[in-house]
C-alpha cells in the first residue's frame, strides 16, 4: 500500500527513511543502516559488489569470482581505477558455475580454476569471491583457498561476500578482512617507533591513504601534495596498489581515511593491531584539501611541514581561483541533488557545491549511519530532503518536487535524471576525469557547468509524475510546451526541426507504482 509521507509518495515501510533537515541539537528522525526493503528495488548494491569495489583496484591481483558468469560480468572493471604499472585486475575471471556444479558442488572447479590462473599469470595474490549460490550450496571456500595457498606458496584469500547475507557495508568489511591478511607485521625497530610516537633520524614521515580508489587517476593528483610536504605515501588502499605495497602498510606513522564507509573498519583494526592512529579527511574541494594537508602537518608537529603546507595551499588556490570564479558566476544559485554510496563523499560534496555558490536540496546515501546523517543534517540548509537507500521512484519524485538543476550520483541514477530533464554528473566509478586535488576540483566545476548549461535543456519539457496530468497536458497543444520548472519553453524549442508532437508522443514519464 502506498501512503503519503509528507515529502514523496512511497511505501508505508519506507516512510522512516525520508526526512528533512533538523534543527541543530535535534536527533534526526531517519531510519538507516538496515538491509534494503524487499521489493523496493533500491539503488544499493549487494555484499559481493561492495567487496569488489574495494578490492578490484589491487592491480597485480587475480580476482576470481566463484559463482555464475553474471556476477563476474556485473562487476568487471567496476571501479574504473587506473594503474601505473601491471593491470592484471583489468581482466575478470569466473568459475562460471552451471546447474551441474550447483547440484554436485563447485569446489573441484574452483581448485582447477586457481591452478590454471597461477600457471598463466603467476600472481602474488588471488582474491576468491563467494557469491549467493556458493552460500546456498555450502562450498568450503576456506578449505580450497588454504590448500591452494600451501600448494602455490602465495596468498589465496577467500572473500566472504555472499550477496544475500547483508548489505553493501558488509561487503566493505569482507574486503577489509581479506586485506588484513596481506598486511605484514613491521620490523622490531618500527614497533619501537610506535611506542615512542616518534620517527627518529632522517626517515621521512610515512602515511597510508585509505579509501582512495584512484578513479580516473585521482590519487595521482593527491600524492604529490604530501610528497612536497616531505611525507612518504606507502600505499593508497586500494587505488593503484599492489600486494607488495599493501604488505608494507603497517610501517606507516599515520592513516588518512577518505572513504570512511569502506575503510574505517580497517583503520580501527590497524590502530589496535599496530598502534597506527588515523584521521578522517577528504581530497575534494578547496576547503577539504586544505584541511587534509593542515591536519596531517599538525599531527607530525613539524613547523617546517606546516609552513610548506600553507605555501602549497596559497599557490594552488591562487592558481585555480580564476577558473573557479568563472564557473561560479555561471552556476551560482542552481540546485543540486546528491545521492552517493557512502556518506563521506556526500558530505564533501556539500562543501564543494557551496564553493560554487550552489544549494543542495536533496542528499542521500546507500550506507550512511545515524551519526553520518546527523552530520549531514547540520551541514545542509533548511528544507533539504535527506534520504537513505532510496529507490528510483522516490528519487524521481524528489528531483521534480525539489526542482533540482543537477544530480550528482552514480551510473544507476544517470537515466533517472535524464528522463526527467535534469542535468547529471557522475561522481562514482565510471567517470574518466579526475575530481580530487586542486586540478580535480577545476575539472568537477567545468563538468557541472557543462552539464547544467548545456543547450539541450532548452528543448526539454517538464516531466510529469501524475498520469492524469499527462493527459491534460497533451490536450493543451504546442503553445504549452514547458521546461522542467513549468516555465514556457524557449523559442528555440518551439522552432526546432523536431516536431513538438513527436516530443510529446515520445515523452518518458515517471508514474506512481501501484504496489
Protein backbone atom coordinates (compact mmCIF):
# COMPACT_ATOMS: atom_id res chain seq x y z
CA UNK A 1 0.00 0.00 0.00
CA UNK A 2 1.29 3.48 -0.90
CA UNK A 3 0.87 6.22 1.68
CA UNK A 4 1.82 9.87 1.76
CA UNK A 5 4.96 10.62 3.78
CA UNK A 6 4.57 14.38 3.50
CA UNK A 7 7.58 14.52 1.19
CA UNK A 8 7.00 11.89 -1.51
CA UNK A 9 4.52 9.10 -2.16
CA UNK A 10 6.16 5.83 -1.20
CA UNK A 11 5.59 2.52 0.55
CA UNK A 12 4.48 2.78 4.16
CA UNK A 13 7.58 0.85 5.27
CA UNK A 14 9.78 3.42 3.52
CA UNK A 15 8.36 6.42 5.40
CA UNK A 16 11.02 6.44 8.16
CA UNK A 17 13.82 6.60 5.57
CA UNK A 18 12.94 10.05 4.17
CA UNK A 19 13.03 13.26 6.19
CA UNK A 20 14.09 16.89 6.12
CA UNK A 21 16.93 18.74 7.81
CA UNK A 22 16.54 19.06 11.57
CA UNK A 23 17.44 21.96 13.81
CA UNK A 24 20.89 21.70 15.36
CA UNK A 25 20.76 19.63 18.53
CA UNK A 26 17.76 17.60 17.41
CA UNK A 27 18.08 13.90 16.68
CA UNK A 28 17.40 13.27 13.00
CA UNK A 29 14.30 11.01 12.70
CA UNK A 30 15.75 8.86 9.93
CA UNK A 31 15.92 5.08 9.79
CA UNK A 32 19.17 3.82 8.28
CA UNK A 33 21.90 1.17 8.32
CA UNK A 34 19.39 -1.61 7.63
CA UNK A 35 19.07 -4.15 4.86
CA UNK A 36 17.11 -2.94 1.84
CA UNK A 37 13.35 -3.37 1.99
CA UNK A 38 12.32 -6.40 -0.06
CA UNK A 39 10.53 -5.35 -3.23
CA UNK A 40 11.58 -1.70 -3.04
CA UNK A 41 14.25 -2.13 -5.78
CA UNK A 42 16.68 0.26 -4.08
CA UNK A 43 19.81 1.64 -5.73
CA UNK A 44 22.03 -0.09 -3.17
CA UNK A 45 24.41 -2.81 -4.35
CA UNK A 46 24.85 -6.23 -2.71
CA UNK A 47 27.53 -7.59 -0.35
CA UNK A 48 29.53 -9.05 -3.23
CA UNK A 49 29.51 -5.76 -5.13
CA UNK A 50 30.72 -3.90 -2.03
CA UNK A 51 33.67 -6.27 -1.72
CA UNK A 52 34.58 -5.93 -5.39
CA UNK A 53 34.64 -2.13 -5.43
CA UNK A 54 37.12 -2.13 -2.55
CA UNK A 55 39.45 -4.89 -3.75
CA UNK A 56 39.28 -4.58 -7.53
CA UNK A 57 41.84 -1.72 -7.77
CA UNK A 58 44.62 -4.01 -6.40
CA UNK A 59 46.42 -4.02 -9.72
CA UNK A 60 48.56 -7.17 -9.68
CA UNK A 61 45.98 -9.46 -8.07
CA UNK A 62 43.88 -12.09 -9.78
CA UNK A 63 40.22 -11.55 -8.88
CA UNK A 64 38.37 -14.85 -9.20
CA UNK A 65 34.58 -14.91 -8.79
CA UNK A 66 33.25 -18.26 -7.64
CA UNK A 67 29.73 -18.21 -9.00
CA UNK A 68 27.67 -17.79 -12.18
CA UNK A 69 29.18 -15.77 -15.00
CA UNK A 70 26.68 -12.94 -14.49
CA UNK A 71 28.26 -11.93 -11.16
CA UNK A 72 31.67 -11.51 -12.78
CA UNK A 73 30.17 -9.66 -15.74
CA UNK A 74 28.28 -7.28 -13.46
CA UNK A 75 31.44 -6.20 -11.64
CA UNK A 76 34.04 -6.39 -14.41
CA UNK A 77 36.37 -3.38 -14.14
CA UNK A 78 33.82 -1.94 -11.72
CA UNK A 79 35.96 0.83 -10.28
CA UNK A 80 37.43 2.45 -13.40
CA UNK A 81 40.60 2.65 -11.31
CA UNK A 82 43.82 3.49 -13.14
CA UNK A 83 47.14 1.74 -12.68
CA UNK A 84 50.70 3.00 -13.04
CA UNK A 85 52.03 -0.50 -13.66
CA UNK A 86 50.67 -4.01 -14.14
CA UNK A 87 46.92 -4.30 -14.83
CA UNK A 88 46.00 -7.89 -14.07
CA UNK A 89 42.93 -6.54 -12.31
CA UNK A 90 41.51 -5.34 -15.62
CA UNK A 91 40.74 -8.97 -16.52
CA UNK A 92 37.72 -10.65 -14.97
CA UNK A 93 37.78 -14.33 -14.02
CA UNK A 94 34.93 -16.62 -13.03
CA UNK A 95 34.37 -20.30 -12.33
CA UNK A 96 31.17 -19.92 -14.40
CA UNK A 97 29.12 -22.26 -12.25
CA UNK A 98 26.41 -24.21 -14.09
CA UNK A 99 23.47 -26.29 -12.94
CA UNK A 100 25.61 -29.40 -12.53
CA UNK A 101 28.04 -27.50 -10.27
CA UNK A 102 25.15 -26.37 -8.10
CA UNK A 103 23.95 -29.95 -7.74
CA UNK A 104 27.31 -31.65 -7.13
CA UNK A 105 29.30 -28.74 -5.70
CA UNK A 106 31.85 -26.41 -7.26
CA UNK A 107 34.95 -26.94 -5.10
CA UNK A 108 36.80 -29.03 -7.68
CA UNK A 109 36.03 -26.49 -10.40
CA UNK A 110 37.32 -23.69 -8.15
CA UNK A 111 40.52 -25.58 -7.39
CA UNK A 112 41.14 -26.18 -11.10
CA UNK A 113 40.50 -22.53 -11.90
CA UNK A 114 43.07 -21.40 -9.31
CA UNK A 115 45.59 -23.89 -10.73
CA UNK A 116 45.08 -22.56 -14.25
CA UNK A 117 45.32 -18.89 -13.26
CA UNK A 118 48.53 -19.42 -11.28
CA UNK A 119 50.09 -21.13 -14.29
CA UNK A 120 49.17 -18.31 -16.67
CA UNK A 121 49.56 -15.13 -14.58
CA UNK A 122 51.85 -16.10 -11.65
CA UNK A 123 50.07 -13.53 -9.43
CA UNK A 124 51.35 -12.51 -5.98
CA UNK A 125 47.83 -12.87 -4.57
CA UNK A 126 44.44 -14.27 -5.60
CA UNK A 127 41.16 -12.99 -4.17
CA UNK A 128 38.35 -15.57 -4.39
CA UNK A 129 34.88 -14.07 -4.04
CA UNK A 130 31.92 -16.12 -2.89
CA UNK A 131 28.53 -15.30 -4.41
CA UNK A 132 24.95 -16.05 -3.40
CA UNK A 133 24.86 -19.50 -4.91
CA UNK A 134 28.06 -20.53 -3.09
CA UNK A 135 26.49 -19.56 0.22
CA UNK A 136 23.40 -21.62 -0.62
CA UNK A 137 25.14 -24.84 -1.68
CA UNK A 138 27.84 -24.57 1.02
CA UNK A 139 31.11 -24.87 -0.91
CA UNK A 140 34.04 -24.77 1.56
CA UNK A 141 35.88 -21.73 0.24
CA UNK A 142 38.25 -21.59 3.22
CA UNK A 143 39.48 -25.13 2.71
CA UNK A 144 40.02 -24.78 -1.06
CA UNK A 145 41.91 -21.48 -0.63
CA UNK A 146 44.04 -22.82 2.22
CA UNK A 147 45.13 -25.86 0.19
CA UNK A 148 45.86 -23.67 -2.85
CA UNK A 149 47.92 -21.23 -0.76
CA UNK A 150 50.17 -24.02 0.51
CA UNK A 151 50.48 -25.61 -2.91
CA UNK A 152 51.37 -22.44 -4.81
CA UNK A 153 53.08 -20.55 -1.96
CA UNK A 154 51.03 -17.36 -2.46
CA UNK A 155 48.10 -15.90 -0.51
CA UNK A 156 44.82 -17.24 -1.92
CA UNK A 157 42.32 -15.28 0.09
CA UNK A 158 38.62 -16.10 0.45
CA UNK A 159 36.33 -13.06 0.37
CA UNK A 160 33.11 -13.96 2.21
CA UNK A 161 30.75 -11.90 0.07
CA UNK A 162 27.55 -13.88 -0.46
CA UNK A 163 25.24 -11.19 -1.78
CA UNK A 164 22.16 -12.05 0.27
CA UNK A 165 23.76 -12.07 3.73
CA UNK A 166 23.67 -8.31 4.36
CA UNK A 167 24.20 -5.05 2.51
CA UNK A 168 26.97 -3.18 0.75
CA UNK A 169 28.63 -2.26 4.06
CA UNK A 170 29.09 -5.95 4.84
CA UNK A 171 30.94 -6.25 1.53
CA UNK A 172 33.33 -3.49 2.60
CA UNK A 173 34.03 -5.40 5.79
CA UNK A 174 34.63 -8.67 3.91
CA UNK A 175 37.13 -6.88 1.67
CA UNK A 176 38.95 -5.38 4.65
CA UNK A 177 39.15 -8.80 6.30
CA UNK A 178 40.94 -10.04 3.18
CA UNK A 179 43.31 -7.03 3.16
CA UNK A 180 44.24 -7.73 6.80
CA UNK A 181 45.81 -10.99 5.72
CA UNK A 182 48.14 -9.20 3.29
CA UNK A 183 49.49 -6.66 5.81
CA UNK A 184 52.71 -7.87 7.41
CA UNK A 185 53.84 -7.03 10.92
CA UNK A 186 56.57 -4.34 10.82
CA UNK A 187 60.14 -4.88 11.92
CA UNK A 188 61.10 -4.66 15.61
CA UNK A 189 62.66 -1.22 15.21
CA UNK A 190 59.44 0.00 13.61
CA UNK A 191 57.44 -1.35 16.51
CA UNK A 192 59.69 0.59 18.88
CA UNK A 193 58.88 3.79 16.98
CA UNK A 194 55.18 3.14 17.51
CA UNK A 195 55.65 3.02 21.28
CA UNK A 196 57.50 6.34 21.41
CA UNK A 197 55.32 8.02 18.79
CA UNK A 198 58.35 9.46 17.00
CA UNK A 199 60.20 8.78 13.79
CA UNK A 200 63.89 9.30 14.68
CA UNK A 201 66.76 10.05 12.35
CA UNK A 202 66.36 11.26 8.80
CA UNK A 203 63.47 8.99 7.84
CA UNK A 204 60.52 10.68 6.20
CA UNK A 205 57.17 10.62 7.97
CA UNK A 206 55.08 7.88 6.39
CA UNK A 207 51.35 7.67 5.75
CA UNK A 208 48.80 5.41 4.11
CA UNK A 209 45.81 6.78 2.22
CA UNK A 210 42.82 4.52 2.92
CA UNK A 211 39.64 4.64 0.87
CA UNK A 212 41.01 6.24 -2.29
CA UNK A 213 40.50 4.01 -5.32
CA UNK A 214 42.31 6.10 -7.96
CA UNK A 215 39.18 6.50 -10.06
CA UNK A 216 40.28 8.27 -13.27
CA UNK A 217 43.70 8.80 -11.62
CA UNK A 218 42.53 10.75 -8.54
CA UNK A 219 45.33 9.64 -6.24
CA UNK A 220 47.98 10.84 -8.70
CA UNK A 221 46.81 14.40 -8.04
CA UNK A 222 46.92 13.93 -4.26
CA UNK A 223 50.16 12.07 -3.53
CA UNK A 224 52.45 14.85 -4.89
CA UNK A 225 50.94 17.31 -2.37
CA UNK A 226 52.11 15.15 0.54
CA UNK A 227 55.44 14.43 -1.10
CA UNK A 228 56.05 18.19 -1.37
CA UNK A 229 55.49 18.33 2.39
CA UNK A 230 58.24 15.72 2.88
CA UNK A 231 55.90 12.79 3.54
CA UNK A 232 56.22 9.31 2.04
CA UNK A 233 52.95 7.73 0.93
CA UNK A 234 53.46 4.00 1.41
CA UNK A 235 50.22 2.83 -0.18
CA UNK A 236 46.85 4.05 -1.31
CA UNK A 237 44.33 1.39 -0.42
CA UNK A 238 43.35 0.25 -2.76
CA UNK A 239 43.81 2.64 -5.70
CA UNK A 240 46.89 1.78 -7.79
CA UNK A 241 48.07 -0.59 -5.04
CA UNK A 242 49.93 -3.88 -5.28
CA UNK A 243 50.23 -6.85 -2.96
CA UNK A 244 53.74 -5.69 -2.01
CA UNK A 245 52.75 -2.11 -1.18
CA UNK A 246 49.78 -3.32 0.87
CA UNK A 247 52.08 -5.67 2.80
CA UNK A 248 54.09 -2.60 3.96
CA UNK A 249 51.05 -0.70 5.27
CA UNK A 250 51.91 -1.37 8.92
CA UNK A 251 55.13 0.66 8.52
CA UNK A 252 53.13 3.91 8.35
CA UNK A 253 53.02 6.52 11.11
CA UNK A 254 49.51 7.67 10.23
CA UNK A 255 46.49 6.56 8.20
CA UNK A 256 44.40 9.11 6.32
CA UNK A 257 40.89 7.72 5.74
CA UNK A 258 38.98 9.28 2.86
CA UNK A 259 36.13 6.83 2.28
CA UNK A 260 35.05 6.31 5.88
CA UNK A 261 32.30 3.84 4.97
CA UNK A 262 34.65 1.35 3.37
CA UNK A 263 37.89 1.78 5.32
CA UNK A 264 37.24 2.97 8.89
CA UNK A 265 36.89 -0.68 9.89
CA UNK A 266 40.42 -1.41 8.60
CA UNK A 267 41.84 1.81 10.09
CA UNK A 268 40.49 0.89 13.54
CA UNK A 269 41.97 -2.59 13.22
CA UNK A 270 45.39 -1.16 12.27
CA UNK A 271 45.23 1.21 15.22
CA UNK A 272 44.52 -1.65 17.59
CA UNK A 273 46.92 -4.14 15.98
CA UNK A 274 49.85 -1.89 15.07
CA UNK A 275 49.28 1.33 17.01
CA UNK A 276 48.75 3.45 13.87
CA UNK A 277 46.33 6.35 14.50
CA UNK A 278 44.04 7.61 11.76
CA UNK A 279 42.48 10.87 10.64
CA UNK A 280 39.33 11.22 8.54
CA UNK A 281 39.96 13.53 5.57
CA UNK A 282 38.75 14.39 2.09
CA UNK A 283 40.66 15.44 -1.01
CA UNK A 284 37.73 17.02 -2.85
CA UNK A 285 37.16 20.76 -2.84
CA UNK A 286 39.42 23.59 -1.72
CA UNK A 287 38.23 23.58 1.90
CA UNK A 288 38.63 19.85 2.45
CA UNK A 289 42.00 19.58 0.68
CA UNK A 290 43.27 22.42 2.85
CA UNK A 291 42.01 20.69 5.98
CA UNK A 292 43.66 17.40 4.97
CA UNK A 293 47.10 18.97 4.50
CA UNK A 294 46.86 21.08 7.65
CA UNK A 295 45.64 18.20 9.85
CA UNK A 296 48.46 15.98 8.60
CA UNK A 297 51.11 18.65 9.23
CA UNK A 298 49.61 19.31 12.67
CA UNK A 299 49.79 15.61 13.54
CA UNK A 300 53.50 15.38 12.76
CA UNK A 301 54.16 18.62 14.62
CA UNK A 302 56.77 19.95 12.21
CA UNK A 303 56.82 23.74 11.83
CA UNK A 304 58.63 23.36 8.53
CA UNK A 305 55.94 20.98 7.29
CA UNK A 306 53.19 23.38 8.40
CA UNK A 307 54.89 26.22 6.55
CA UNK A 308 55.25 24.11 3.40
CA UNK A 309 51.59 23.11 3.58
CA UNK A 310 50.49 26.75 3.75
CA UNK A 311 52.71 27.65 0.81
CA UNK A 312 51.22 24.81 -1.25
CA UNK A 313 47.69 25.87 -0.37
CA UNK A 314 48.29 29.52 -1.22
CA UNK A 315 49.99 28.75 -4.52
CA UNK A 316 47.46 26.17 -5.69
CA UNK A 317 44.39 28.13 -4.57
CA UNK A 318 45.58 31.29 -6.33
CA UNK A 319 46.26 29.24 -9.46
CA UNK A 320 42.79 27.71 -9.78
CA UNK A 321 40.59 30.50 -8.40
CA UNK A 322 40.18 32.42 -11.69
CA UNK A 323 38.59 29.36 -13.31
CA UNK A 324 36.53 28.51 -10.21
CA UNK A 325 35.25 32.11 -10.08
CA UNK A 326 34.29 31.99 -13.76
CA UNK A 327 32.28 28.80 -13.28
CA UNK A 328 30.72 30.10 -10.06
CA UNK A 329 29.23 33.04 -11.93
CA UNK A 330 27.56 30.62 -14.36
CA UNK A 331 26.15 28.12 -11.82
CA UNK A 332 25.55 30.08 -8.60
CA UNK A 333 22.04 29.72 -7.24
CA UNK A 334 21.45 26.39 -9.00
CA UNK A 335 20.05 23.46 -7.01
CA UNK A 336 21.88 20.16 -6.65
CA UNK A 337 20.77 16.65 -5.68
CA UNK A 338 23.37 14.28 -4.20
CA UNK A 339 23.00 10.51 -3.98
CA UNK A 340 26.19 8.66 -3.03
CA UNK A 341 27.18 5.18 -2.00
CA UNK A 342 28.90 6.42 1.17
CA UNK A 343 28.38 9.42 3.47
CA UNK A 344 31.95 10.76 3.23
CA UNK A 345 31.53 11.71 -0.44
CA UNK A 346 28.10 13.18 0.25
CA UNK A 347 29.46 15.43 2.99
CA UNK A 348 32.40 16.66 0.96
CA UNK A 349 30.12 17.43 -2.00
CA UNK A 350 28.06 19.77 0.20
CA UNK A 351 31.17 21.89 0.75
CA UNK A 352 32.16 21.65 -2.90
CA UNK A 353 28.80 22.96 -4.07
CA UNK A 354 28.95 25.76 -1.50
CA UNK A 355 32.28 26.82 -3.04
CA UNK A 356 30.50 27.02 -6.40
CA UNK A 357 27.62 29.04 -4.95
CA UNK A 358 25.11 26.20 -5.38
CA UNK A 359 22.47 24.90 -2.98
CA UNK A 360 21.94 21.24 -2.05
CA UNK A 361 18.22 20.39 -1.96
CA UNK A 362 18.39 16.57 -1.84
CA UNK A 363 21.06 14.41 -0.25
CA UNK A 364 21.10 10.66 0.30
CA UNK A 365 23.40 7.68 0.65
CA UNK A 366 23.23 3.90 0.40
CA UNK A 367 25.28 3.05 3.51
CA UNK A 368 25.06 6.02 5.90
CA UNK A 369 24.75 5.53 9.64
CA UNK A 370 22.86 7.64 12.18
CA UNK A 371 25.88 9.77 13.09
CA UNK A 372 26.60 10.38 9.38
CA UNK A 373 23.09 11.67 8.76
CA UNK A 374 23.26 13.90 11.83
CA UNK A 375 26.41 15.49 10.42
CA UNK A 376 24.75 15.83 7.02
CA UNK A 377 21.73 17.46 8.64
CA UNK A 378 23.96 20.06 10.33
CA UNK A 379 25.70 20.80 7.01
CA UNK A 380 22.72 21.49 4.73
CA UNK A 381 20.11 24.26 4.60
CA UNK A 382 16.57 24.17 5.96
CA UNK A 383 14.19 22.29 3.69
CA UNK A 384 16.82 19.91 2.32
CA UNK A 385 15.48 16.38 1.93
CA UNK A 386 17.64 13.61 3.42
CA UNK A 387 17.02 10.05 2.25
CA UNK A 388 18.57 6.65 2.98
CA UNK A 389 18.71 3.75 0.50
CA UNK A 390 16.33 5.41 -1.96
CA UNK A 391 14.54 3.63 -4.80
CA UNK A 392 14.13 5.08 -8.32
CA UNK A 393 10.52 6.26 -7.84
CA UNK A 394 11.45 8.16 -4.71
CA UNK A 395 14.44 9.79 -6.40
CA UNK A 396 12.37 10.74 -9.43
CA UNK A 397 9.65 12.44 -7.39
CA UNK A 398 12.19 14.21 -5.19
CA UNK A 399 14.04 15.62 -8.22
CA UNK A 400 10.82 17.16 -9.54
CA UNK A 401 9.44 18.40 -6.22
CA UNK A 402 12.73 19.93 -5.10
CA UNK A 403 13.29 21.45 -8.58
CA UNK A 404 16.84 20.16 -8.87
CA UNK A 405 19.01 21.52 -11.68
CA UNK A 406 21.68 18.85 -11.31
CA UNK A 407 22.00 15.35 -9.92
CA UNK A 408 25.39 14.05 -8.78
CA UNK A 409 25.38 10.29 -8.31
CA UNK A 410 26.49 7.02 -9.93
CA UNK A 411 25.72 5.31 -13.19
CA UNK A 412 22.46 3.71 -11.96
CA UNK A 413 20.95 7.14 -11.26
CA UNK A 414 22.02 8.73 -14.56
CA UNK A 415 18.95 7.69 -16.51
CA UNK A 416 16.51 8.75 -13.79
CA UNK A 417 17.88 12.28 -14.11
CA UNK A 418 17.97 12.32 -17.91
CA UNK A 419 14.40 11.06 -18.25
CA UNK A 420 13.28 13.91 -16.00
CA UNK A 421 15.26 16.51 -17.92
CA UNK A 422 17.74 17.06 -15.08
CA UNK A 423 21.46 17.58 -15.71
CA UNK A 424 23.73 14.82 -14.37
CA UNK A 425 27.32 14.44 -13.18
CA UNK A 426 28.86 11.02 -12.48
CA UNK A 427 30.91 11.16 -9.27
CA UNK A 428 31.42 7.44 -8.86
CA UNK A 429 33.11 4.53 -10.62
CA UNK A 430 32.60 5.27 -14.30
CA UNK A 431 33.96 8.78 -14.67
CA UNK A 432 37.09 9.33 -16.73
CA UNK A 433 38.14 12.73 -15.34
CA UNK A 434 39.89 13.30 -12.00
CA UNK A 435 37.89 15.16 -9.35
CA UNK A 436 40.34 15.13 -6.41
CA UNK A 437 43.07 17.63 -5.66
CA UNK A 438 43.15 21.21 -6.93
CA UNK A 439 43.10 20.36 -10.63
CA UNK A 440 40.42 17.78 -9.95
CA UNK A 441 38.14 20.39 -8.41
CA UNK A 442 38.57 22.53 -11.52
CA UNK A 443 37.57 19.50 -13.61
CA UNK A 444 34.49 19.00 -11.45
CA UNK A 445 33.48 22.66 -11.71
CA UNK A 446 33.80 22.56 -15.50
CA UNK A 447 31.71 19.39 -15.73
CA UNK A 448 28.99 20.88 -13.52
CA UNK A 449 28.96 23.99 -15.71
CA UNK A 450 28.82 22.00 -18.95
CA UNK A 451 26.03 19.76 -17.61
CA UNK A 452 23.79 22.49 -16.21
CA UNK A 453 24.28 24.99 -19.04
CA UNK A 454 24.01 22.53 -21.92
CA UNK A 455 21.76 23.88 -24.72
CA UNK A 456 19.86 20.60 -24.74
CA UNK A 457 17.82 21.64 -21.69
CA UNK A 458 16.14 24.40 -23.73
CA UNK A 459 14.34 21.66 -25.64
CA UNK A 460 13.27 19.61 -22.62
CA UNK A 461 9.72 19.77 -21.32
CA UNK A 462 8.67 19.35 -17.73
CA UNK A 463 8.33 15.71 -16.74
CA UNK A 464 5.02 14.80 -15.12
CA UNK A 465 4.60 12.36 -12.26
CA UNK A 466 0.79 12.09 -12.32
CA UNK A 467 -0.81 10.08 -15.17
CA UNK A 468 -3.86 12.37 -15.26
CA UNK A 469 -1.61 15.40 -15.72
CA UNK A 470 -0.04 13.81 -18.80
CA UNK A 471 -3.46 13.52 -20.48
CA UNK A 472 -4.40 17.15 -19.79
CA UNK A 473 -1.03 18.42 -20.93
CA UNK A 474 -1.18 16.53 -24.22
CA UNK A 475 -4.51 18.16 -24.98
CA UNK A 476 -3.09 21.64 -24.28
CA UNK A 477 -1.25 21.83 -27.61
CA UNK A 478 2.01 23.20 -28.88
CA UNK A 479 1.89 26.55 -27.06
CA UNK A 480 2.01 24.88 -23.64
CA UNK A 481 5.41 23.25 -24.14
CA UNK A 482 7.28 23.80 -20.85
CA UNK A 483 10.71 23.27 -19.43
CA UNK A 484 11.46 21.29 -16.28
CA UNK A 485 10.38 24.12 -13.99
CA UNK A 486 6.98 24.51 -15.64
CA UNK A 487 8.00 27.70 -17.45
CA UNK A 488 7.21 28.25 -21.17
CA UNK A 489 9.93 26.62 -23.26
CA UNK A 490 12.38 28.88 -25.09
CA UNK A 491 11.50 29.98 -28.63
CA UNK A 492 14.30 27.80 -29.95
CA UNK A 493 12.47 24.76 -28.59
CA UNK A 494 9.25 25.56 -30.47
CA UNK A 495 11.09 26.42 -33.68
CA UNK A 496 13.25 23.29 -33.69
CA UNK A 497 13.20 20.97 -36.68
CA UNK A 498 11.96 18.23 -34.37
CA UNK A 499 8.16 18.10 -34.43
CA UNK A 500 6.75 19.02 -30.98
CA UNK A 501 4.11 16.33 -31.44
CA UNK A 502 6.95 13.83 -31.75
CA UNK A 503 8.42 15.12 -28.48
CA UNK A 504 5.05 14.75 -26.76
CA UNK A 505 4.44 11.24 -28.04
CA UNK A 506 7.90 10.08 -27.01
CA UNK A 507 7.97 11.70 -23.59
CA UNK A 508 9.18 9.39 -20.84
CA UNK A 509 7.17 9.86 -17.67
CA UNK A 510 7.62 8.51 -14.16
CA UNK A 511 4.27 7.34 -12.82
CA UNK A 512 3.15 6.14 -9.44
CA UNK A 513 3.77 2.48 -8.74
CA UNK A 514 0.66 0.52 -7.78
CA UNK A 515 2.05 -1.90 -5.24
